[in-house]
Amino acid sequence: MRITAVGQDDFNEWLGLALKLWPDNSAEEMRVTLTEIFESPREAGFLVKNEAGRAIGFIDLSLRYEYIAGASRSPVAYVEGIYVEEDYQKQGVGKALIHFAEQWALEQGCIELASDALLDNAVSHAFHQRMGFQEVERVVAYIKPILSE
């Protein structure tokens, strides 16, 4: 298993994996988002590849300077997304990606690694707890339309 920064040649593999994590996005929307990450000085995408060189997972990281619940200083390294193909789950791949993220965070001058998960994503909650994350806040988001179209 090898973890490497996403390169131009890896972009479509990254896109395919990202669409599995975020299936509600169209391929074009996801391509735009990943291009922004790829070109950003504050964000980075990394792929984990198996022995055959095929991408089996990814982690997207960022440096966030805005308020992050529970953080003691800024910037905070943030796990924007993490995904491992089902056939490779529960084999230490996710754990390796988190350890990689911790090293990346330290290299960026951060002392904390933050993340989030939707309220109903119990699998993600359990993973974060196993990785040593502490829950610091729960949020329910609301929206109210004030203009009709």
N, C-alpha and C. Protein backbone atom coordinates (compact mmCIF):
# COMPACT_ATOMS: atom_id res chain seq x y z
N MET A 1 0.85 -1.17 0.00
CA MET A 1 0.00 0.00 0.00
C MET A 1 0.90 1.23 0.00
N ARG A 2 0.55 2.21 -0.84
CA ARG A 2 1.34 3.43 -1.00
C ARG A 2 0.40 4.63 -1.03
N ILE A 3 0.75 5.67 -0.30
CA ILE A 3 -0.05 6.90 -0.29
C ILE A 3 0.75 7.98 -1.02
N THR A 4 0.12 8.59 -2.03
CA THR A 4 0.79 9.62 -2.82
C THR A 4 -0.16 10.79 -3.07
N ALA A 5 0.42 11.94 -3.30
CA ALA A 5 -0.37 13.11 -3.67
C ALA A 5 -1.01 12.85 -5.03
N VAL A 6 -2.22 13.32 -5.20
CA VAL A 6 -2.91 13.18 -6.48
C VAL A 6 -2.14 13.97 -7.53
N GLY A 7 -1.85 13.31 -8.64
CA GLY A 7 -1.22 13.97 -9.78
C GLY A 7 -2.21 14.04 -10.93
N GLN A 8 -1.82 14.73 -11.97
CA GLN A 8 -2.70 14.87 -13.13
C GLN A 8 -3.11 13.50 -13.68
N ASP A 9 -2.17 12.55 -13.70
CA ASP A 9 -2.45 11.21 -14.22
C ASP A 9 -3.43 10.42 -13.34
N ASP A 10 -3.57 10.82 -12.07
CA ASP A 10 -4.44 10.12 -11.12
C ASP A 10 -5.82 10.73 -11.01
N PHE A 11 -6.02 11.87 -11.66
CA PHE A 11 -7.22 12.66 -11.42
C PHE A 11 -8.50 11.86 -11.63
N ASN A 12 -8.58 11.09 -12.69
CA ASN A 12 -9.83 10.35 -12.97
C ASN A 12 -10.08 9.25 -11.95
N GLU A 13 -9.03 8.63 -11.43
CA GLU A 13 -9.22 7.63 -10.36
C GLU A 13 -9.76 8.31 -9.10
N TRP A 14 -9.20 9.45 -8.78
CA TRP A 14 -9.65 10.25 -7.63
C TRP A 14 -11.11 10.63 -7.81
N LEU A 15 -11.46 11.09 -9.01
CA LEU A 15 -12.83 11.46 -9.32
C LEU A 15 -13.78 10.27 -9.12
N GLY A 16 -13.41 9.11 -9.61
CA GLY A 16 -14.25 7.92 -9.47
C GLY A 16 -14.49 7.55 -8.02
N LEU A 17 -13.45 7.64 -7.20
CA LEU A 17 -13.60 7.32 -5.78
C LEU A 17 -14.44 8.39 -5.07
N ALA A 18 -14.22 9.66 -5.41
CA ALA A 18 -14.97 10.75 -4.78
C ALA A 18 -16.46 10.63 -5.07
N LEU A 19 -16.80 10.20 -6.28
CA LEU A 19 -18.22 10.02 -6.62
C LEU A 19 -18.86 8.88 -5.83
N LYS A 20 -18.06 7.92 -5.38
CA LYS A 20 -18.59 6.86 -4.52
C LYS A 20 -18.87 7.39 -3.12
N LEU A 21 -18.02 8.29 -2.64
CA LEU A 21 -18.24 8.87 -1.31
C LEU A 21 -19.38 9.89 -1.33
N TRP A 22 -19.46 10.67 -2.40
CA TRP A 22 -20.47 11.72 -2.52
C TRP A 22 -21.32 11.47 -3.76
N PRO A 23 -22.16 10.43 -3.76
CA PRO A 23 -22.91 10.06 -4.97
C PRO A 23 -23.98 11.06 -5.39
N ASP A 24 -24.33 11.99 -4.52
CA ASP A 24 -25.35 12.97 -4.88
C ASP A 24 -24.81 14.06 -5.81
N ASN A 25 -23.50 14.13 -5.96
CA ASN A 25 -22.89 15.11 -6.86
C ASN A 25 -22.80 14.55 -8.27
N SER A 26 -22.95 15.40 -9.25
CA SER A 26 -22.74 14.96 -10.63
C SER A 26 -21.24 14.88 -10.88
N ALA A 27 -20.87 14.15 -11.92
CA ALA A 27 -19.46 14.02 -12.27
C ALA A 27 -18.86 15.40 -12.56
N GLU A 28 -19.62 16.25 -13.22
CA GLU A 28 -19.10 17.58 -13.55
C GLU A 28 -18.90 18.43 -12.29
N GLU A 29 -19.88 18.40 -11.37
CA GLU A 29 -19.73 19.13 -10.10
C GLU A 29 -18.51 18.64 -9.35
N MET A 30 -18.34 17.32 -9.29
CA MET A 30 -17.21 16.76 -8.55
C MET A 30 -15.90 17.10 -9.24
N ARG A 31 -15.88 17.09 -10.56
CA ARG A 31 -14.66 17.46 -11.30
C ARG A 31 -14.25 18.90 -10.95
N VAL A 32 -15.22 19.81 -10.87
CA VAL A 32 -14.93 21.20 -10.52
C VAL A 32 -14.37 21.28 -9.10
N THR A 33 -15.02 20.60 -8.17
CA THR A 33 -14.56 20.61 -6.77
C THR A 33 -13.15 20.07 -6.65
N LEU A 34 -12.88 18.93 -7.27
CA LEU A 34 -11.55 18.33 -7.17
C LEU A 34 -10.49 19.18 -7.87
N THR A 35 -10.85 19.84 -8.94
CA THR A 35 -9.91 20.74 -9.61
C THR A 35 -9.54 21.88 -8.68
N GLU A 36 -10.53 22.40 -7.96
CA GLU A 36 -10.26 23.48 -7.00
C GLU A 36 -9.30 22.99 -5.91
N ILE A 37 -9.51 21.78 -5.41
CA ILE A 37 -8.61 21.21 -4.40
C ILE A 37 -7.22 21.05 -5.00
N PHE A 38 -7.15 20.48 -6.19
CA PHE A 38 -5.89 20.20 -6.87
C PHE A 38 -5.06 21.48 -7.06
N GLU A 39 -5.73 22.58 -7.32
CA GLU A 39 -5.04 23.84 -7.60
C GLU A 39 -4.84 24.73 -6.37
N SER A 40 -5.42 24.35 -5.24
CA SER A 40 -5.39 25.19 -4.05
C SER A 40 -4.09 25.03 -3.26
N PRO A 41 -3.55 26.13 -2.76
CA PRO A 41 -2.37 26.02 -1.88
C PRO A 41 -2.73 25.59 -0.45
N ARG A 42 -4.03 25.61 -0.12
CA ARG A 42 -4.46 25.26 1.24
C ARG A 42 -5.17 23.91 1.31
N GLU A 43 -5.26 23.20 0.19
CA GLU A 43 -5.94 21.92 0.15
C GLU A 43 -5.07 20.91 -0.60
N ALA A 44 -5.32 19.63 -0.32
CA ALA A 44 -4.55 18.58 -1.00
C ALA A 44 -5.35 17.29 -1.03
N GLY A 45 -5.16 16.54 -2.08
CA GLY A 45 -5.78 15.23 -2.22
C GLY A 45 -4.70 14.17 -2.30
N PHE A 46 -4.94 13.05 -1.65
CA PHE A 46 -3.97 11.95 -1.62
C PHE A 46 -4.69 10.65 -1.91
N LEU A 47 -4.05 9.81 -2.70
CA LEU A 47 -4.59 8.49 -3.03
C LEU A 47 -3.79 7.42 -2.32
N VAL A 48 -4.48 6.36 -1.93
CA VAL A 48 -3.80 5.18 -1.45
C VAL A 48 -3.96 4.13 -2.55
N LYS A 49 -2.84 3.52 -2.91
CA LYS A 49 -2.84 2.55 -4.00
C LYS A 49 -2.42 1.18 -3.48
N ASN A 50 -3.01 0.15 -4.08
CA ASN A 50 -2.65 -1.22 -3.69
C ASN A 50 -1.35 -1.62 -4.38
N GLU A 51 -0.95 -2.86 -4.17
CA GLU A 51 0.32 -3.36 -4.71
C GLU A 51 0.35 -3.31 -6.24
N ALA A 52 -0.81 -3.40 -6.87
CA ALA A 52 -0.89 -3.36 -8.33
C ALA A 52 -0.91 -1.92 -8.86
N GLY A 53 -0.92 -0.93 -7.97
CA GLY A 53 -0.91 0.46 -8.39
C GLY A 53 -2.29 1.06 -8.64
N ARG A 54 -3.34 0.32 -8.25
CA ARG A 54 -4.70 0.82 -8.43
C ARG A 54 -5.14 1.60 -7.19
N ALA A 55 -5.76 2.76 -7.42
CA ALA A 55 -6.25 3.57 -6.30
C ALA A 55 -7.41 2.84 -5.61
N ILE A 56 -7.30 2.68 -4.31
CA ILE A 56 -8.33 1.99 -3.52
C ILE A 56 -8.95 2.89 -2.46
N GLY A 57 -8.46 4.12 -2.37
CA GLY A 57 -9.00 5.04 -1.39
C GLY A 57 -8.34 6.40 -1.54
N PHE A 58 -8.88 7.37 -0.82
CA PHE A 58 -8.32 8.72 -0.86
C PHE A 58 -8.62 9.45 0.43
N ILE A 59 -7.89 10.53 0.62
CA ILE A 59 -8.17 11.47 1.69
C ILE A 59 -7.94 12.87 1.13
N ASP A 60 -8.89 13.75 1.38
CA ASP A 60 -8.76 15.16 1.01
C ASP A 60 -8.55 15.95 2.29
N LEU A 61 -7.52 16.78 2.29
CA LEU A 61 -7.16 17.54 3.48
C LEU A 61 -7.14 19.03 3.16
N SER A 62 -7.36 19.83 4.18
CA SER A 62 -7.27 21.28 4.00
C SER A 62 -6.72 21.92 5.26
N LEU A 63 -6.33 23.15 5.10
CA LEU A 63 -5.98 23.99 6.24
C LEU A 63 -7.13 24.97 6.40
N ARG A 64 -7.76 24.93 7.56
CA ARG A 64 -8.88 25.84 7.83
C ARG A 64 -8.44 26.89 8.84
N TYR A 65 -8.73 28.12 8.50
CA TYR A 65 -8.36 29.25 9.36
C TYR A 65 -9.55 29.81 10.12
N GLU A 66 -10.76 29.43 9.70
CA GLU A 66 -11.96 29.91 10.39
C GLU A 66 -12.16 29.10 11.68
N TYR A 67 -13.19 29.47 12.44
CA TYR A 67 -13.51 28.77 13.68
C TYR A 67 -13.76 27.29 13.42
N ILE A 68 -13.11 26.45 14.20
CA ILE A 68 -13.33 25.00 14.18
C ILE A 68 -13.64 24.58 15.61
N ALA A 69 -14.81 24.00 15.81
CA ALA A 69 -15.23 23.60 17.16
C ALA A 69 -14.17 22.71 17.81
N GLY A 70 -13.80 23.07 19.02
CA GLY A 70 -12.86 22.27 19.80
C GLY A 70 -11.40 22.56 19.54
N ALA A 71 -11.08 23.31 18.51
CA ALA A 71 -9.68 23.57 18.17
C ALA A 71 -9.08 24.62 19.09
N SER A 72 -7.80 24.47 19.38
CA SER A 72 -7.14 25.40 20.28
C SER A 72 -6.34 26.47 19.56
N ARG A 73 -6.05 26.26 18.25
CA ARG A 73 -5.35 27.30 17.51
C ARG A 73 -5.56 27.11 16.01
N SER A 74 -5.24 28.15 15.27
CA SER A 74 -5.45 28.17 13.83
C SER A 74 -4.09 28.28 13.14
N PRO A 75 -3.93 27.67 11.98
CA PRO A 75 -4.90 26.89 11.23
C PRO A 75 -5.07 25.50 11.82
N VAL A 76 -6.12 24.84 11.39
CA VAL A 76 -6.40 23.46 11.78
C VAL A 76 -6.38 22.61 10.51
N ALA A 77 -5.69 21.50 10.56
CA ALA A 77 -5.74 20.54 9.45
C ALA A 77 -7.09 19.85 9.52
N TYR A 78 -7.74 19.71 8.36
CA TYR A 78 -9.11 19.22 8.34
C TYR A 78 -9.26 18.10 7.32
N VAL A 79 -9.86 17.01 7.76
CA VAL A 79 -10.18 15.90 6.85
C VAL A 79 -11.48 16.28 6.16
N GLU A 80 -11.38 16.66 4.90
CA GLU A 80 -12.55 17.06 4.13
C GLU A 80 -13.30 15.84 3.58
N GLY A 81 -12.59 14.76 3.39
CA GLY A 81 -13.20 13.53 2.90
C GLY A 81 -12.21 12.40 3.00
N ILE A 82 -12.71 11.22 3.33
CA ILE A 82 -11.89 10.03 3.38
C ILE A 82 -12.75 8.87 2.90
N TYR A 83 -12.18 8.03 2.04
CA TYR A 83 -12.93 6.92 1.47
C TYR A 83 -11.98 5.78 1.18
N VAL A 84 -12.45 4.57 1.47
CA VAL A 84 -11.73 3.34 1.15
C VAL A 84 -12.71 2.39 0.48
N GLU A 85 -12.29 1.81 -0.65
CA GLU A 85 -13.13 0.84 -1.35
C GLU A 85 -13.57 -0.26 -0.38
N GLU A 86 -14.80 -0.72 -0.54
CA GLU A 86 -15.38 -1.70 0.38
C GLU A 86 -14.51 -2.94 0.56
N ASP A 87 -13.93 -3.46 -0.51
CA ASP A 87 -13.09 -4.66 -0.42
C ASP A 87 -11.84 -4.46 0.42
N TYR A 88 -11.47 -3.22 0.69
CA TYR A 88 -10.25 -2.92 1.43
C TYR A 88 -10.53 -2.34 2.82
N GLN A 89 -11.80 -2.21 3.16
CA GLN A 89 -12.14 -1.69 4.48
C GLN A 89 -11.81 -2.71 5.56
N LYS A 90 -11.56 -2.19 6.76
CA LYS A 90 -11.25 -3.01 7.94
C LYS A 90 -9.94 -3.78 7.76
N GLN A 91 -9.03 -3.19 6.97
CA GLN A 91 -7.71 -3.79 6.76
C GLN A 91 -6.59 -2.80 7.09
N GLY A 92 -6.92 -1.71 7.76
CA GLY A 92 -5.92 -0.73 8.15
C GLY A 92 -5.66 0.39 7.16
N VAL A 93 -6.39 0.40 6.04
CA VAL A 93 -6.18 1.43 5.03
C VAL A 93 -6.62 2.79 5.54
N GLY A 94 -7.81 2.87 6.12
CA GLY A 94 -8.29 4.13 6.68
C GLY A 94 -7.39 4.64 7.78
N LYS A 95 -6.94 3.72 8.61
CA LYS A 95 -6.02 4.08 9.70
C LYS A 95 -4.73 4.66 9.13
N ALA A 96 -4.21 4.05 8.08
CA ALA A 96 -2.99 4.55 7.44
C ALA A 96 -3.22 5.95 6.87
N LEU A 97 -4.40 6.18 6.29
CA LEU A 97 -4.71 7.50 5.75
C LEU A 97 -4.78 8.55 6.86
N ILE A 98 -5.35 8.20 7.99
CA ILE A 98 -5.41 9.15 9.11
C ILE A 98 -4.01 9.43 9.66
N HIS A 99 -3.19 8.40 9.79
CA HIS A 99 -1.81 8.63 10.25
C HIS A 99 -1.06 9.52 9.25
N PHE A 100 -1.29 9.29 7.98
CA PHE A 100 -0.70 10.14 6.95
C PHE A 100 -1.17 11.58 7.13
N ALA A 101 -2.47 11.78 7.38
CA ALA A 101 -3.03 13.11 7.59
C ALA A 101 -2.41 13.79 8.79
N GLU A 102 -2.15 13.03 9.83
CA GLU A 102 -1.52 13.59 11.03
C GLU A 102 -0.12 14.12 10.69
N GLN A 103 0.64 13.36 9.91
CA GLN A 103 1.98 13.79 9.51
C GLN A 103 1.90 15.03 8.63
N TRP A 104 0.95 15.03 7.69
CA TRP A 104 0.74 16.19 6.82
C TRP A 104 0.43 17.41 7.67
N ALA A 105 -0.45 17.25 8.65
CA ALA A 105 -0.84 18.35 9.53
C ALA A 105 0.37 18.92 10.27
N LEU A 106 1.19 18.05 10.81
CA LEU A 106 2.39 18.50 11.52
C LEU A 106 3.32 19.27 10.59
N GLU A 107 3.47 18.79 9.36
CA GLU A 107 4.32 19.46 8.38
C GLU A 107 3.79 20.85 8.02
N GLN A 108 2.47 21.06 8.18
CA GLN A 108 1.85 22.35 7.90
C GLN A 108 1.86 23.26 9.13
N GLY A 109 2.43 22.79 10.23
CA GLY A 109 2.48 23.58 11.46
C GLY A 109 1.25 23.46 12.33
N CYS A 110 0.41 22.48 12.07
CA CYS A 110 -0.81 22.29 12.85
C CYS A 110 -0.55 21.35 14.03
N ILE A 111 -1.35 21.53 15.07
CA ILE A 111 -1.23 20.65 16.23
C ILE A 111 -2.49 19.80 16.43
N GLU A 112 -3.50 20.01 15.57
CA GLU A 112 -4.74 19.27 15.68
C GLU A 112 -5.24 18.87 14.29
N LEU A 113 -5.94 17.77 14.26
CA LEU A 113 -6.58 17.29 13.04
C LEU A 113 -8.07 17.21 13.33
N ALA A 114 -8.89 17.86 12.51
CA ALA A 114 -10.34 17.90 12.72
C ALA A 114 -11.04 17.21 11.57
N SER A 115 -12.29 16.88 11.79
CA SER A 115 -13.10 16.21 10.78
C SER A 115 -14.56 16.40 11.14
N ASP A 116 -15.45 15.88 10.29
CA ASP A 116 -16.87 15.91 10.61
C ASP A 116 -17.54 14.73 9.95
N ALA A 117 -18.77 14.50 10.33
CA ALA A 117 -19.60 13.44 9.75
C ALA A 117 -21.06 13.84 9.92
N LEU A 118 -21.87 13.42 9.00
CA LEU A 118 -23.30 13.69 9.13
C LEU A 118 -23.85 13.00 10.38
N LEU A 119 -24.90 13.58 10.96
CA LEU A 119 -25.45 13.04 12.21
C LEU A 119 -25.87 11.57 12.10
N ASP A 120 -26.35 11.16 10.94
CA ASP A 120 -26.85 9.78 10.81
C ASP A 120 -25.80 8.80 10.28
N ASN A 121 -24.55 9.22 10.14
CA ASN A 121 -23.50 8.36 9.62
C ASN A 121 -22.77 7.64 10.75
N ALA A 122 -23.42 6.64 11.31
CA ALA A 122 -22.86 5.91 12.45
C ALA A 122 -21.56 5.20 12.12
N VAL A 123 -21.40 4.74 10.89
CA VAL A 123 -20.15 4.07 10.48
C VAL A 123 -18.99 5.06 10.59
N SER A 124 -19.20 6.27 10.12
CA SER A 124 -18.16 7.29 10.20
C SER A 124 -17.88 7.68 11.65
N HIS A 125 -18.90 7.78 12.44
CA HIS A 125 -18.71 8.12 13.86
C HIS A 125 -17.81 7.07 14.52
N ALA A 126 -18.13 5.80 14.30
CA ALA A 126 -17.34 4.72 14.90
C ALA A 126 -15.90 4.76 14.42
N PHE A 127 -15.70 5.00 13.12
CA PHE A 127 -14.34 5.09 12.57
C PHE A 127 -13.56 6.21 13.25
N HIS A 128 -14.17 7.40 13.33
CA HIS A 128 -13.49 8.53 13.96
C HIS A 128 -13.12 8.23 15.41
N GLN A 129 -14.03 7.60 16.13
CA GLN A 129 -13.73 7.26 17.53
C GLN A 129 -12.56 6.27 17.61
N ARG A 130 -12.56 5.28 16.72
CA ARG A 130 -11.45 4.31 16.71
C ARG A 130 -10.11 4.99 16.39
N MET A 131 -10.17 6.04 15.61
CA MET A 131 -8.95 6.75 15.21
C MET A 131 -8.50 7.76 16.25
N GLY A 132 -9.25 7.90 17.34
CA GLY A 132 -8.84 8.79 18.42
C GLY A 132 -9.44 10.19 18.38
N PHE A 133 -10.35 10.43 17.44
CA PHE A 133 -11.03 11.72 17.42
C PHE A 133 -12.01 11.78 18.59
N GLN A 134 -12.19 12.98 19.14
CA GLN A 134 -13.17 13.19 20.19
C GLN A 134 -14.30 14.06 19.65
N GLU A 135 -15.51 13.62 19.90
CA GLU A 135 -16.66 14.44 19.47
C GLU A 135 -16.69 15.71 20.30
N VAL A 136 -16.84 16.86 19.61
CA VAL A 136 -16.85 18.14 20.31
C VAL A 136 -18.13 18.92 20.11
N GLU A 137 -18.94 18.54 19.12
CA GLU A 137 -20.15 19.32 18.86
C GLU A 137 -21.06 18.55 17.91
N ARG A 138 -22.37 18.75 18.06
CA ARG A 138 -23.35 18.25 17.09
C ARG A 138 -24.16 19.44 16.61
N VAL A 139 -24.48 19.41 15.32
CA VAL A 139 -25.17 20.54 14.71
C VAL A 139 -26.32 20.02 13.87
N VAL A 140 -27.42 20.71 13.94
CA VAL A 140 -28.53 20.48 13.03
C VAL A 140 -28.67 21.76 12.22
N ALA A 141 -28.59 21.67 10.92
CA ALA A 141 -28.66 22.84 10.06
C ALA A 141 -30.09 23.05 9.57
N TYR A 142 -30.48 24.30 9.47
CA TYR A 142 -31.83 24.66 9.01
C TYR A 142 -31.72 25.66 7.87
N ILE A 143 -32.75 25.71 7.06
CA ILE A 143 -32.87 26.75 6.05
C ILE A 143 -34.36 27.07 5.87
N LYS A 144 -34.63 28.33 5.63
CA LYS A 144 -36.00 28.77 5.40
C LYS A 144 -35.99 29.66 4.17
N PRO A 145 -36.68 29.26 3.11
CA PRO A 145 -36.77 30.12 1.93
C PRO A 145 -37.55 31.39 2.29
N ILE A 146 -37.04 32.52 1.82
CA ILE A 146 -37.75 33.77 2.08
C ILE A 146 -38.19 34.46 0.79
N LEU A 147 -37.78 33.94 -0.33
CA LEU A 147 -38.24 34.43 -1.63
C LEU A 147 -38.77 33.24 -2.41
N SER A 148 -39.91 33.41 -3.00
CA SER A 148 -40.38 32.34 -3.88
C SER A 148 -39.96 32.66 -5.31
N GLU A 149 -39.67 31.64 -6.06
CA GLU A 149 -39.20 31.85 -7.44
C GLU A 149 -40.31 31.73 -8.43
